[in-house]
PDB file of N, CA and C in Angstrom:
ATOM      1  N   MET A   1      32.870  15.914 -23.238  1.00  0.00           N
ATOM      2  CA  MET A   1      32.434  17.216 -22.769  1.00  0.00           C
ATOM      3  C   MET A   1      30.914  17.370 -22.889  1.00  0.00           C
ATOM      4  N   THR A   2      30.347  16.815 -23.961  1.00  0.00           N
ATOM      5  CA  THR A   2      28.910  16.924 -24.168  1.00  0.00           C
ATOM      6  C   THR A   2      28.143  16.173 -23.077  1.00  0.00           C
ATOM      7  N   LYS A   3      28.637  14.986 -22.715  1.00  0.00           N
ATOM      8  CA  LYS A   3      27.965  14.211 -21.669  1.00  0.00           C
ATOM      9  C   LYS A   3      27.973  14.963 -20.347  1.00  0.00           C
ATOM     10  N   PHE A   4      29.082  15.624 -20.061  1.00  0.00           N
ATOM     11  CA  PHE A   4      29.171  16.374 -18.812  1.00  0.00           C
ATOM     12  C   PHE A   4      28.180  17.535 -18.813  1.00  0.00           C
ATOM     13  N   LEU A   5      28.058  18.236 -19.921  1.00  0.00           N
ATOM     14  CA  LEU A   5      27.108  19.346 -20.006  1.00  0.00           C
ATOM     15  C   LEU A   5      25.666  18.850 -19.886  1.00  0.00           C
ATOM     16  N   LEU A   6      25.372  17.721 -20.513  1.00  0.00           N
ATOM     17  CA  LEU A   6      24.036  17.139 -20.384  1.00  0.00           C
ATOM     18  C   LEU A   6      23.757  16.729 -18.938  1.00  0.00           C
ATOM     19  N   TRP A   7      24.764  16.205 -18.280  1.00  0.00           N
ATOM     20  CA  TRP A   7      24.602  15.797 -16.885  1.00  0.00           C
ATOM     21  C   TRP A   7      24.345  17.016 -15.999  1.00  0.00           C
ATOM     22  N   VAL A   8      25.055  18.112 -16.238  1.00  0.00           N
ATOM     23  CA  VAL A   8      24.858  19.335 -15.457  1.00  0.00           C
ATOM     24  C   VAL A   8      23.448  19.891 -15.683  1.00  0.00           C
ATOM     25  N   ILE A   9      22.983  19.880 -16.932  1.00  0.00           N
ATOM     26  CA  ILE A   9      21.629  20.349 -17.222  1.00  0.00           C
ATOM     27  C   ILE A   9      20.605  19.467 -16.520  1.00  0.00           C
ATOM     28  N   LEU A  10      20.812  18.164 -16.567  1.00  0.00           N
ATOM     29  CA  LEU A  10      19.905  17.245 -15.893  1.00  0.00           C
ATOM     30  C   LEU A  10      19.895  17.481 -14.387  1.00  0.00           C
ATOM     31  N   LEU A  11      21.062  17.734 -13.821  1.00  0.00           N
ATOM     32  CA  LEU A  11      21.155  18.016 -12.387  1.00  0.00           C
ATOM     33  C   LEU A  11      20.400  19.284 -12.036  1.00  0.00           C
ATOM     34  N   ILE A  12      20.539  20.304 -12.859  1.00  0.00           N
ATOM     35  CA  ILE A  12      19.855  21.569 -12.595  1.00  0.00           C
ATOM     36  C   ILE A  12      18.339  21.405 -12.717  1.00  0.00           C
ATOM     37  N   ILE A  13      17.892  20.635 -13.678  1.00  0.00           N
ATOM     38  CA  ILE A  13      16.454  20.447 -13.893  1.00  0.00           C
ATOM     39  C   ILE A  13      15.849  19.530 -12.836  1.00  0.00           C
ATOM     40  N   CYS A  14      16.557  18.491 -12.452  1.00  0.00           N
ATOM     41  CA  CYS A  14      15.946  17.456 -11.616  1.00  0.00           C
ATOM     42  C   CYS A  14      15.996  17.723 -10.121  1.00  0.00           C
ATOM     43  N   TRP A  15      16.979  18.463  -9.629  1.00  0.00           N
ATOM     44  CA  TRP A  15      17.038  18.595  -8.177  1.00  0.00           C
ATOM     45  C   TRP A  15      15.851  19.349  -7.596  1.00  0.00           C
ATOM     46  N   PRO A  16      15.286  20.333  -8.292  1.00  0.00           N
ATOM     47  CA  PRO A  16      14.070  20.926  -7.715  1.00  0.00           C
ATOM     48  C   PRO A  16      12.908  19.935  -7.662  1.00  0.00           C
ATOM     49  N   LEU A  17      12.801  19.086  -8.670  1.00  0.00           N
ATOM     50  CA  LEU A  17      11.753  18.070  -8.650  1.00  0.00           C
ATOM     51  C   LEU A  17      11.971  17.094  -7.510  1.00  0.00           C
ATOM     52  N   ALA A  18      13.225  16.740  -7.263  1.00  0.00           N
ATOM     53  CA  ALA A  18      13.524  15.820  -6.172  1.00  0.00           C
ATOM     54  C   ALA A  18      13.183  16.452  -4.822  1.00  0.00           C
ATOM     55  N   LEU A  19      13.536  17.710  -4.655  1.00  0.00           N
ATOM     56  CA  LEU A  19      13.186  18.387  -3.401  1.00  0.00           C
ATOM     57  C   LEU A  19      11.681  18.528  -3.239  1.00  0.00           C
ATOM     58  N   LEU A  20      10.997  18.839  -4.334  1.00  0.00           N
ATOM     59  CA  LEU A  20       9.544  18.942  -4.289  1.00  0.00           C
ATOM     60  C   LEU A  20       8.917  17.611  -3.891  1.00  0.00           C
ATOM     61  N   ALA A  21       9.437  16.528  -4.454  1.00  0.00           N
ATOM     62  CA  ALA A  21       8.914  15.206  -4.108  1.00  0.00           C
ATOM     63  C   ALA A  21       9.154  14.896  -2.632  1.00  0.00           C
ATOM     64  N   LEU A  22      10.316  15.279  -2.111  1.00  0.00           N
ATOM     65  CA  LEU A  22      10.597  15.038  -0.695  1.00  0.00           C
ATOM     66  C   LEU A  22       9.658  15.828   0.212  1.00  0.00           C
ATOM     67  N   ILE A  23       9.246  16.991  -0.233  1.00  0.00           N
ATOM     68  CA  ILE A  23       8.357  17.816   0.582  1.00  0.00           C
ATOM     69  C   ILE A  23       6.908  17.365   0.434  1.00  0.00           C
ATOM     70  N   VAL A  24       6.488  17.011  -0.777  1.00  0.00           N
ATOM     71  CA  VAL A  24       5.082  16.686  -1.042  1.00  0.00           C
ATOM     72  C   VAL A  24       4.725  15.272  -0.590  1.00  0.00           C
ATOM     73  N   TYR A  25       5.661  14.327  -0.649  1.00  0.00           N
ATOM     74  CA  TYR A  25       5.356  12.917  -0.358  1.00  0.00           C
ATOM     75  C   TYR A  25       4.718  12.708   1.017  1.00  0.00           C
ATOM     76  N   PRO A  26       5.232  13.315   2.093  1.00  0.00           N
ATOM     77  CA  PRO A  26       4.570  13.088   3.398  1.00  0.00           C
ATOM     78  C   PRO A  26       3.126  13.584   3.432  1.00  0.00           C
ATOM     79  N   PHE A  27       2.846  14.687   2.747  1.00  0.00           N
ATOM     80  CA  PHE A  27       1.476  15.199   2.725  1.00  0.00           C
ATOM     81  C   PHE A  27       0.550  14.265   1.940  1.00  0.00           C
ATOM     82  N   VAL A  28       1.034  13.736   0.849  1.00  0.00           N
ATOM     83  CA  VAL A  28       0.235  12.783   0.065  1.00  0.00           C
ATOM     84  C   VAL A  28      -0.009  11.532   0.894  1.00  0.00           C
ATOM     85  N   TRP A  29       1.006  11.078   1.604  1.00  0.00           N
ATOM     86  CA  TRP A  29       0.861   9.892   2.453  1.00  0.00           C
ATOM     87  C   TRP A  29      -0.193  10.133   3.525  1.00  0.00           C
ATOM     88  N   LEU A  30      -0.174  11.316   4.131  1.00  0.00           N
ATOM     89  CA  LEU A  30      -1.166  11.637   5.153  1.00  0.00           C
ATOM     90  C   LEU A  30      -2.574  11.732   4.570  1.00  0.00           C
ATOM     91  N   LEU A  31      -2.694  12.252   3.353  1.00  0.00           N
ATOM     92  CA  LEU A  31      -4.002  12.332   2.716  1.00  0.00           C
ATOM     93  C   LEU A  31      -4.564  10.953   2.377  1.00  0.00           C
ATOM     94  N   LEU A  32      -3.695  10.021   2.007  1.00  0.00           N
ATOM     95  CA  LEU A  32      -4.152   8.691   1.619  1.00  0.00           C
ATOM     96  C   LEU A  32      -4.324   7.740   2.801  1.00  0.00           C
ATOM     97  N   LEU A  33      -3.851   8.120   3.968  1.00  0.00           N
ATOM     98  CA  LEU A  33      -3.919   7.255   5.148  1.00  0.00           C
ATOM     99  C   LEU A  33      -5.352   6.845   5.516  1.00  0.00           C
ATOM    100  N   PRO A  34      -6.333   7.739   5.502  1.00  0.00           N
ATOM    101  CA  PRO A  34      -7.705   7.295   5.821  1.00  0.00           C
ATOM    102  C   PRO A  34      -8.226   6.245   4.848  1.00  0.00           C
ATOM    103  N   PHE A  35      -7.878   6.363   3.577  1.00  0.00           N
ATOM    104  CA  PHE A  35      -8.330   5.375   2.599  1.00  0.00           C
ATOM    105  C   PHE A  35      -7.682   4.018   2.860  1.00  0.00           C
ATOM    106  N   ARG A  36      -6.438   4.013   3.298  1.00  0.00           N
ATOM    107  CA  ARG A  36      -5.784   2.747   3.642  1.00  0.00           C
ATOM    108  C   ARG A  36      -6.469   2.110   4.842  1.00  0.00           C
ATOM    109  N   LEU A  37      -6.807   2.936   5.840  1.00  0.00           N
ATOM    110  CA  LEU A  37      -7.481   2.403   7.028  1.00  0.00           C
ATOM    111  C   LEU A  37      -8.853   1.847   6.676  1.00  0.00           C
ATOM    112  N   ILE A  38      -9.572   2.527   5.803  1.00  0.00           N
ATOM    113  CA  ILE A  38     -10.872   2.020   5.357  1.00  0.00           C
ATOM    114  C   ILE A  38     -10.689   0.698   4.616  1.00  0.00           C
ATOM    115  N   GLY A  39      -9.659   0.605   3.777  1.00  0.00           N
ATOM    116  CA  GLY A  39      -9.390  -0.639   3.050  1.00  0.00           C
ATOM    117  C   GLY A  39      -9.084  -1.789   3.993  1.00  0.00           C
ATOM    118  N   ILE A  40      -8.281  -1.536   5.010  1.00  0.00           N
ATOM    119  CA  ILE A  40      -7.961  -2.580   5.985  1.00  0.00           C
ATOM    120  C   ILE A  40      -9.221  -3.026   6.724  1.00  0.00           C
ATOM    121  N   THR A  41     -10.063  -2.060   7.083  1.00  0.00           N
ATOM    122  CA  THR A  41     -11.299  -2.379   7.801  1.00  0.00           C
ATOM    123  C   THR A  41     -12.243  -3.206   6.941  1.00  0.00           C
ATOM    124  N   VAL A  42     -12.427  -2.815   5.694  1.00  0.00           N
ATOM    125  CA  VAL A  42     -13.328  -3.551   4.800  1.00  0.00           C
ATOM    126  C   VAL A  42     -12.804  -4.964   4.560  1.00  0.00           C
ATOM    127  N   LYS A  43     -11.509  -5.102   4.370  1.00  0.00           N
ATOM    128  CA  LYS A  43     -10.919  -6.421   4.167  1.00  0.00           C
ATOM    129  C   LYS A  43     -11.141  -7.307   5.401  1.00  0.00           C
ATOM    130  N   SER A  44     -10.969  -6.738   6.578  1.00  0.00           N
ATOM    131  CA  SER A  44     -11.174  -7.504   7.810  1.00  0.00           C
ATOM    132  C   SER A  44     -12.627  -7.943   7.969  1.00  0.00           C
ATOM    133  N   VAL A  45     -13.551  -7.060   7.621  1.00  0.00           N
ATOM    134  CA  VAL A  45     -14.971  -7.409   7.724  1.00  0.00           C
ATOM    135  C   VAL A  45     -15.312  -8.549   6.774  1.00  0.00           C
ATOM    136  N   PHE A  46     -14.802  -8.491   5.546  1.00  0.00           N
ATOM    137  CA  PHE A  46     -15.063  -9.575   4.599  1.00  0.00           C
ATOM    138  C   PHE A  46     -14.438 -10.891   5.062  1.00  0.00           C
ATOM    139  N   GLU A  47     -13.249 -10.843   5.650  1.00  0.00           N
ATOM    140  CA  GLU A  47     -12.643 -12.067   6.179  1.00  0.00           C
ATOM    141  C   GLU A  47     -13.450 -12.633   7.342  1.00  0.00           C
ATOM    142  N   LEU A  48     -13.995 -11.751   8.178  1.00  0.00           N
ATOM    143  CA  LEU A  48     -14.841 -12.204   9.282  1.00  0.00           C
ATOM    144  C   LEU A  48     -16.109 -12.864   8.768  1.00  0.00           C
ATOM    145  N   ILE A  49     -16.744 -12.245   7.780  1.00  0.00           N
ATOM    146  CA  ILE A  49     -17.961 -12.827   7.197  1.00  0.00           C
ATOM    147  C   ILE A  49     -17.647 -14.181   6.567  1.00  0.00           C
ATOM    148  N   GLU A  50     -16.517 -14.275   5.875  1.00  0.00           N
ATOM    149  CA  GLU A  50     -16.125 -15.547   5.266  1.00  0.00           C
ATOM    150  C   GLU A  50     -15.890 -16.614   6.340  1.00  0.00           C
ATOM    151  N   ALA A  51     -15.231 -16.232   7.444  1.00  0.00           N
ATOM    152  CA  ALA A  51     -14.993 -17.192   8.521  1.00  0.00           C
ATOM    153  C   ALA A  51     -16.297 -17.650   9.160  1.00  0.00           C
ATOM    154  N   ILE A  52     -17.248 -16.737   9.318  1.00  0.00           N
ATOM    155  CA  ILE A  52     -18.545 -17.098   9.902  1.00  0.00           C
ATOM    156  C   ILE A  52     -19.294 -18.058   8.984  1.00  0.00           C
ATOM    157  N   ILE A  53     -19.238 -17.808   7.686  1.00  0.00           N
ATOM    158  CA  ILE A  53     -19.936 -18.678   6.729  1.00  0.00           C
ATOM    159  C   ILE A  53     -19.289 -20.062   6.670  1.00  0.00           C
ATOM    160  N   LYS A  54     -17.973 -20.122   6.725  1.00  0.00           N
ATOM    161  CA  LYS A  54     -17.271 -21.403   6.591  1.00  0.00           C
ATOM    162  C   LYS A  54     -17.176 -22.186   7.903  1.00  0.00           C
ATOM    163  N   PHE A  55     -17.523 -21.571   9.023  1.00  0.00           N
ATOM    164  CA  PHE A  55     -17.380 -22.256  10.312  1.00  0.00           C
ATOM    165  C   PHE A  55     -18.182 -23.545  10.415  1.00  0.00           C
ATOM    166  N   PRO A  56     -19.472 -23.574  10.013  1.00  0.00           N
ATOM    167  CA  PRO A  56     -20.217 -24.847  10.102  1.00  0.00           C
ATOM    168  C   PRO A  56     -19.602 -25.949   9.235  1.00  0.00           C
ATOM    169  N   ILE A  57     -19.065 -25.579   8.086  1.00  0.00           N
ATOM    170  CA  ILE A  57     -18.433 -26.571   7.209  1.00  0.00           C
ATOM    171  C   ILE A  57     -17.205 -27.158   7.895  1.00  0.00           C
ATOM    172  N   ARG A  58     -16.446 -26.314   8.567  1.00  0.00           N
ATOM    173  CA  ARG A  58     -15.255 -26.801   9.276  1.00  0.00           C
ATOM    174  C   ARG A  58     -15.646 -27.721  10.421  1.00  0.00           C
ATOM    175  N   LEU A  59     -16.762 -27.412  11.065  1.00  0.00           N
ATOM    176  CA  LEU A  59     -17.217 -28.281  12.155  1.00  0.00           C
ATOM    177  C   LEU A  59     -17.671 -29.633  11.635  1.00  0.00           C
ATOM    178  N   LEU A  60     -18.334 -29.660  10.488  1.00  0.00           N
ATOM    179  CA  LEU A  60     -18.837 -30.921   9.934  1.00  0.00           C
ATOM    180  C   LEU A  60     -17.712 -31.809   9.409  1.00  0.00           C
ATOM    181  N   ARG A  61     -16.595 -31.224   9.012  1.00  0.00           N
ATOM    182  CA  ARG A  61     -15.469 -32.019   8.522  1.00  0.00           C
ATOM    183  C   ARG A  61     -14.831 -32.847   9.635  1.00  0.00           C
ATOM    184  N   GLY A  62     -14.872 -32.342  10.830  1.00  0.00           N
ATOM    185  CA  GLY A  62     -14.314 -33.086  11.949  1.00  0.00           C
ATOM    186  C   GLY A  62     -12.887 -32.676  12.229  1.00  0.00           C
ATOM    187  N   PRO A  63     -12.335 -33.248  13.322  1.00  0.00           N
ATOM    188  CA  PRO A  63     -10.989 -32.857  13.748  1.00  0.00           C
ATOM    189  C   PRO A  63      -9.865 -33.345  12.838  1.00  0.00           C
ATOM    190  N   SER A  64     -10.123 -34.367  12.037  1.00  0.00           N
ATOM    191  CA  SER A  64      -9.040 -34.881  11.178  1.00  0.00           C
ATOM    192  C   SER A  64      -8.705 -33.929  10.043  1.00  0.00           C
ATOM    193  N   ALA A  65      -9.629 -33.079   9.646  1.00  0.00           N
ATOM    194  CA  ALA A  65      -9.388 -32.157   8.534  1.00  0.00           C
ATOM    195  C   ALA A  65      -8.642 -30.904   8.992  1.00  0.00           C
ATOM    196  N   ILE A  66      -8.677 -30.604  10.282  1.00  0.00           N
ATOM    197  CA  ILE A  66      -8.009 -29.409  10.813  1.00  0.00           C
ATOM    198  C   ILE A  66      -6.570 -29.765  11.153  1.00  0.00           C
ATOM    199  N   LYS A  67      -5.641 -29.120  10.457  1.00  0.00           N
ATOM    200  CA  LYS A  67      -4.211 -29.384  10.723  1.00  0.00           C
ATOM    201  C   LYS A  67      -3.477 -28.102  10.870  1.00  0.00           C
TER     202      LYS A  67
END
């Protein structure tokens, strides 16, 4: 009986938090979306710079090193 009462109390306490999370999560995702796009852009720029720097080395290695 005690476990059932604890479960009912937990259900009463937690369902508002669960509903709040369901409502707030999309807004948080939308707020963080620009930062994700900036992160993707910065990562791409660094990969491009790395490819530009390593390109002469790849050319000097010759065709046998490229697989």
